[in-house]
Protein backbone atom coordinates (compact mmCIF):
# COMPACT_ATOMS: atom_id res chain seq x y z
CA MET A 1 -10.83 16.50 -65.54
CA SER A 2 -11.18 17.87 -61.98
CA ALA A 3 -10.06 15.84 -58.97
CA ALA A 4 -12.71 14.16 -56.95
CA PRO A 5 -13.55 16.07 -53.77
CA ALA A 6 -12.10 14.63 -50.60
CA ALA A 7 -14.46 12.64 -48.50
CA PRO A 8 -15.68 14.60 -45.50
CA ARG A 9 -14.00 13.66 -42.23
CA PRO A 10 -16.54 12.17 -39.87
CA ALA A 11 -17.16 14.02 -36.62
CA SER A 12 -16.30 10.88 -34.68
CA ALA A 13 -12.76 11.01 -36.10
CA ASP A 14 -12.24 14.47 -34.63
CA ALA A 15 -13.51 13.27 -31.31
CA THR A 16 -11.22 10.24 -31.43
CA ALA A 17 -8.22 12.42 -32.22
CA GLY A 18 -9.07 14.72 -29.31
CA ASP A 19 -9.36 11.78 -26.94
CA LEU A 20 -6.02 10.45 -28.15
CA ASP A 21 -4.39 13.81 -27.47
CA LEU A 22 -5.78 13.74 -23.95
CA LEU A 23 -4.33 10.29 -23.40
CA LEU A 24 -0.91 11.37 -24.62
CA VAL A 25 -0.76 14.40 -22.32
CA PRO A 26 0.25 13.31 -18.82
CA PRO A 27 -2.08 14.42 -16.05
CA ARG A 28 -1.03 17.44 -14.09
CA PRO A 29 0.49 16.36 -10.79
CA ARG A 30 -1.55 17.04 -7.73
CA THR A 31 0.09 19.73 -5.72
CA GLY A 32 -0.74 21.72 -2.66
CA TRP A 33 -0.65 21.24 1.05
CA ARG A 34 -3.63 18.86 1.01
CA VAL A 35 -1.65 16.04 -0.60
CA LEU A 36 1.58 16.58 1.34
CA PRO A 37 0.49 14.64 4.48
CA ALA A 38 -0.40 11.63 2.33
CA ARG A 39 2.97 11.72 0.57
CA VAL A 40 4.85 12.16 3.84
CA GLY A 41 2.92 9.23 5.34
CA ALA A 42 3.64 7.03 2.32
CA LEU A 43 7.36 7.79 2.44
CA CYS A 44 7.42 7.17 6.17
CA ALA A 45 5.72 3.79 5.66
CA VAL A 46 8.27 2.84 2.98
CA GLU A 47 11.10 3.62 5.36
CA LEU A 48 9.56 1.56 8.14
CA GLN A 49 9.11 -1.45 5.84
CA LYS A 50 12.89 -1.87 6.03
CA LEU A 51 12.53 -2.96 9.66
CA ARG A 52 10.76 -6.11 8.49
CA HIS A 53 13.96 -7.25 6.78
CA ASP A 54 16.30 -6.42 9.69
CA ARG A 55 14.49 -6.92 12.98
CA ALA A 56 17.77 -7.86 14.65
CA GLU A 57 18.63 -4.14 14.58
CA LEU A 58 16.03 -3.49 17.26
CA TYR A 59 17.55 -6.09 19.58
CA THR A 60 21.18 -5.08 19.09
CA ARG A 61 20.37 -1.42 19.68
CA ALA A 62 18.87 -2.33 23.06
CA VAL A 63 22.24 -3.55 24.37
CA GLN A 64 23.87 -0.15 24.83
CA PRO A 65 21.07 1.54 26.82
CA ALA A 66 20.76 -1.58 28.96
CA LEU A 67 24.47 -1.34 29.80
CA TRP A 68 24.16 2.35 30.64
CA LEU A 69 21.32 1.66 33.06
CA LEU A 70 22.77 -1.52 34.54
CA ILE A 71 26.37 -0.38 34.99
CA PHE A 72 26.50 3.41 35.01
CA GLY A 73 23.11 3.90 36.62
CA GLU A 74 23.47 1.30 39.35
CA THR A 75 27.04 2.38 40.19
CA PHE A 76 26.33 6.10 40.49
CA THR A 77 23.16 5.39 42.46
CA ARG A 78 25.40 3.82 45.12
CA ILE A 79 28.03 6.57 44.96
CA LYS A 80 25.47 9.38 45.29
CA ALA A 81 27.95 11.87 43.82
CA ILE A 82 25.54 13.67 41.49
CA PRO A 83 22.74 15.81 42.96
CA THR A 84 19.43 14.64 41.53
CA GLY A 85 16.89 16.38 43.74
CA GLY A 86 16.26 13.44 46.03
CA ILE A 87 15.42 10.80 43.42
CA PRO A 88 17.64 7.74 42.79
CA TYR A 89 20.24 8.39 40.14
CA ILE A 90 19.10 5.48 37.97
CA ASP A 91 15.63 7.08 37.85
CA TYR A 92 17.23 10.40 36.93
CA LEU A 93 19.34 8.71 34.25
CA ALA A 94 16.58 6.73 32.51
CA PRO A 95 15.03 9.65 30.54
CA GLY A 96 18.52 10.73 29.45
CA ILE A 97 19.24 7.25 28.11
CA ILE A 98 15.93 7.26 26.21
CA ALA A 99 16.96 10.51 24.52
CA GLN A 100 20.50 9.22 23.92
CA SER A 101 19.37 5.98 22.26
CA ALA A 102 16.91 7.90 20.07
CA MET A 103 19.65 10.32 19.01
CA PHE A 104 22.06 7.49 18.18
CA ILE A 105 19.47 6.04 15.77
CA ALA A 106 18.80 9.37 14.07
CA ILE A 107 22.28 10.88 13.89
CA PHE A 108 23.50 8.35 11.31
CA TYR A 109 20.35 8.51 9.17
CA GLY A 110 22.24 10.42 6.50
CA ILE A 111 24.16 7.25 5.65
CA MET A 112 20.94 5.76 4.33
CA ILE A 113 20.27 8.68 2.02
CA ILE A 114 23.83 8.48 0.64
CA TRP A 115 23.25 4.77 -0.01
CA GLU A 116 20.03 5.65 -1.84
CA ARG A 117 22.00 8.14 -3.95
CA ASP A 118 24.60 5.51 -4.83
CA SER A 119 21.95 2.93 -5.75
CA GLY A 120 19.93 5.37 -7.89
CA ILE A 121 16.84 5.40 -5.65
CA LEU A 122 17.24 9.04 -4.67
CA THR A 123 17.35 10.20 -8.30
CA LYS A 124 14.06 8.43 -9.00
CA LEU A 125 12.47 10.03 -5.95
CA LEU A 126 13.64 13.52 -6.94
CA VAL A 127 12.02 13.35 -10.40
CA THR A 128 8.60 12.66 -8.89
CA PRO A 129 6.27 15.60 -8.23
CA THR A 130 6.72 15.12 -4.48
CA PRO A 131 8.38 18.21 -2.95
CA ARG A 132 11.80 17.75 -1.43
CA ALA A 133 10.49 18.93 1.93
CA ALA A 134 7.99 16.04 1.87
CA LEU A 135 10.79 13.55 1.10
CA ILE A 136 12.87 14.81 4.01
CA THR A 137 9.88 14.99 6.35
CA GLY A 138 8.91 11.40 5.57
CA LYS A 139 12.42 10.17 6.31
CA ALA A 140 12.68 12.32 9.44
CA PHE A 141 9.47 11.00 10.94
CA ALA A 142 10.39 7.44 9.99
CA ALA A 143 13.53 7.96 12.08
CA GLY A 144 11.26 9.26 14.84
CA VAL A 145 9.09 6.13 14.76
CA LYS A 146 12.18 3.91 14.88
CA ALA A 147 13.42 5.93 17.86
CA LEU A 148 10.00 5.54 19.47
CA ILE A 149 10.30 1.77 19.23
CA GLN A 150 13.72 2.06 20.86
CA ALA A 151 12.24 4.25 23.60
CA VAL A 152 9.66 1.57 24.39
CA VAL A 153 12.49 -0.96 24.80
CA VAL A 154 14.42 1.36 27.15
CA ILE A 155 11.29 2.08 29.21
CA ALA A 156 10.69 -1.67 29.56
CA ILE A 157 14.29 -2.22 30.72
CA ALA A 158 13.99 0.68 33.18
CA ALA A 159 10.75 -0.74 34.56
CA LEU A 160 12.41 -4.13 35.10
CA LEU A 161 15.18 -2.37 37.05
CA GLY A 162 12.62 -0.77 39.33
CA VAL A 163 12.70 2.77 37.95
CA ALA A 164 9.64 4.68 39.16
CA LEU A 165 8.20 5.85 35.83
CA THR A 166 4.69 7.16 35.23
CA TRP A 167 2.16 5.10 33.30
CA ASN A 168 -0.23 7.97 32.67
CA PRO A 169 -1.38 7.57 29.01
CA LEU A 170 -1.37 11.30 28.30
CA LYS A 171 2.14 11.72 29.68
CA LEU A 172 3.36 8.71 27.72
CA LEU A 173 1.86 10.28 24.60
CA GLY A 174 3.82 13.43 25.40
CA VAL A 175 6.96 11.28 25.72
CA GLY A 176 6.31 9.89 22.25
CA VAL A 177 5.93 13.37 20.77
CA ALA A 178 9.18 14.54 22.37
CA VAL A 179 11.06 11.47 21.09
CA VAL A 180 9.73 11.86 17.54
CA LEU A 181 10.48 15.60 17.36
CA GLY A 182 14.00 15.18 18.75
CA SER A 183 14.76 12.31 16.40
CA ALA A 184 13.37 14.27 13.45
CA PHE A 185 15.83 17.08 14.18
CA PHE A 186 18.86 14.82 14.56
CA SER A 187 18.01 12.83 11.43
CA CYS A 188 17.68 16.09 9.47
CA LEU A 189 21.01 17.21 10.93
CA SER A 190 22.54 13.99 9.65
CA MET A 191 20.95 14.37 6.21
CA SER A 192 22.16 17.99 6.04
CA ILE A 193 25.70 16.86 6.79
CA ALA A 194 25.29 14.17 4.11
CA GLY A 195 24.38 16.88 1.61
CA ILE A 196 27.65 18.66 2.45
CA VAL A 197 30.19 15.83 2.74
CA LEU A 198 28.54 13.54 0.10
CA THR A 199 30.33 10.34 1.22
CA ARG A 200 29.52 7.72 3.83
CA ASP A 201 33.03 7.63 5.29
CA ARG A 202 33.09 11.35 5.98
CA LEU A 203 29.60 11.26 7.43
CA MET A 204 30.56 8.41 9.76
CA GLY A 205 33.56 10.38 11.00
CA ILE A 206 31.58 13.57 11.59
CA GLY A 207 28.70 11.65 13.20
CA GLN A 208 31.04 9.99 15.66
CA ALA A 209 32.73 13.32 16.36
CA ILE A 210 29.53 15.17 17.28
CA THR A 211 27.57 12.40 19.01
CA MET A 212 29.48 12.39 22.28
CA PRO A 213 29.69 16.21 22.61
CA LEU A 214 25.93 16.41 22.04
CA PHE A 215 25.33 13.73 24.68
CA PHE A 216 27.76 14.95 27.33
CA GLY A 217 26.88 18.58 26.60
CA SER A 218 23.26 17.98 27.61
CA SER A 219 21.43 17.33 30.87
CA ALA A 220 21.17 13.60 30.16
CA LEU A 221 23.75 12.55 32.78
CA TYR A 222 23.84 15.43 35.26
CA PRO A 223 22.00 18.67 36.04
CA VAL A 224 22.92 21.80 34.10
CA SER A 225 23.53 23.63 37.40
CA ILE A 226 26.71 21.67 38.19
CA MET A 227 28.28 22.26 34.75
CA PRO A 228 30.98 24.88 34.19
CA GLY A 229 29.71 28.13 32.71
CA TRP A 230 30.83 27.46 29.13
CA LEU A 231 29.22 24.01 29.17
CA GLN A 232 25.98 25.46 30.50
CA ALA A 233 25.91 27.74 27.44
CA VAL A 234 26.43 24.72 25.18
CA SER A 235 23.67 22.82 26.98
CA ARG A 236 21.18 25.67 26.52
CA ALA A 237 21.83 25.62 22.77
CA ASN A 238 21.59 21.82 22.57
CA PRO A 239 18.14 20.48 21.54
CA LEU A 240 18.93 17.23 23.34
CA SER A 241 18.80 19.07 26.68
CA TYR A 242 15.24 20.21 26.00
CA GLN A 243 14.24 16.72 24.96
CA VAL A 244 15.69 15.26 28.15
CA ASP A 245 14.00 17.96 30.25
CA ALA A 246 10.62 17.12 28.70
CA LEU A 247 11.10 13.37 29.16
CA ARG A 248 12.24 13.77 32.76
CA GLY A 249 9.31 15.98 33.65
CA LEU A 250 6.77 13.67 32.01
CA LEU A 251 8.17 10.34 33.24
CA LEU A 252 9.36 11.35 36.73
CA GLY A 253 7.32 14.44 37.53
CA THR A 254 10.34 16.68 38.10
CA PRO A 255 9.98 20.46 37.58
CA THR A 256 10.13 21.25 33.88
CA HIS A 257 9.20 23.82 31.22
CA LEU A 258 7.20 21.73 28.76
CA GLY A 259 6.07 24.68 26.67
CA LEU A 260 9.65 25.81 26.11
CA ASP A 261 10.87 22.26 25.58
CA TYR A 262 8.30 21.44 22.89
CA GLY A 263 8.71 24.86 21.29
CA VAL A 264 12.47 24.39 20.91
CA LEU A 265 12.07 20.83 19.60
CA LEU A 266 9.43 21.86 17.08
CA LEU A 267 11.50 24.83 15.87
CA ALA A 268 14.64 22.67 15.63
CA ALA A 269 12.78 19.99 13.62
CA ALA A 270 11.34 22.62 11.23
CA LEU A 271 14.73 24.26 10.68
CA GLY A 272 16.31 20.82 10.20
CA ILE A 273 13.77 19.90 7.52
CA LEU A 274 14.37 23.23 5.77
CA ALA A 275 18.17 22.80 5.82
CA ALA A 276 18.11 19.16 4.69
CA SER A 277 15.64 19.94 1.88
CA SER A 278 17.84 22.74 0.54
CA LEU A 279 20.91 20.47 0.51
CA LEU A 280 19.18 17.39 -0.91
CA GLY A 281 19.85 18.43 -4.51
CA ARG A 282 23.62 18.27 -4.00
CA LEU A 283 23.38 14.52 -3.42
CA ALA A 284 21.75 13.96 -6.81
CA ARG A 285 24.44 15.78 -8.84
């Protein structure tokens, strides 16, 4: 006796199986340069959300620049020992302190990424389809926005002390761009060092070791022309000098080379993002 023929499989069953296969296959991640700005913006927003939980950081960070302007600036304005081109020394100092306070925020940004590695957050971020360059860029520009908030505080303090700053909106916008680009570079420098040393203690030590040379080896406190020859060479290789030059020209109207200043800052930020992105994988090992 022959076996009964199998019942024909309905066409709807094939369609259902095909739909099920489509559901089980994860969608291809969206890639390309068109989605990178959105991912960078999202990561930047996540970083800035942390300020809502620690607003006291903004107030405590305002103490040091206020002391620089009140004590150092007022004292050397009376001494008149540093040639400033005929402007009061406290006016000359204010843009340098803006750049210094922004750098101090950014230069220890690598500590945060080491903390994210220790808590497992970084590993979760690295398995997403977001490119490493986008992760670093988001963090770098978040540091820039934090530094921009700090710059607003320093400008307010300087205005209360009678510093003759410009209030031209376009020039203030240029100040914001210079602060963000400089902070992006120094935060990427910090994250690159974090990818090399891998521990918070080592990063703290290196950060403290390079912060003062970067500050004193720039034009933040005195003109490059009165430096010894070797320090002038250091200052010309220091991105902080170009940031200070741009801020001083925009806020005070002193002679400056804005094209060169922005070009150096943009190149430094791009190279910093590239270096930090290439070293980010070492933190996840």
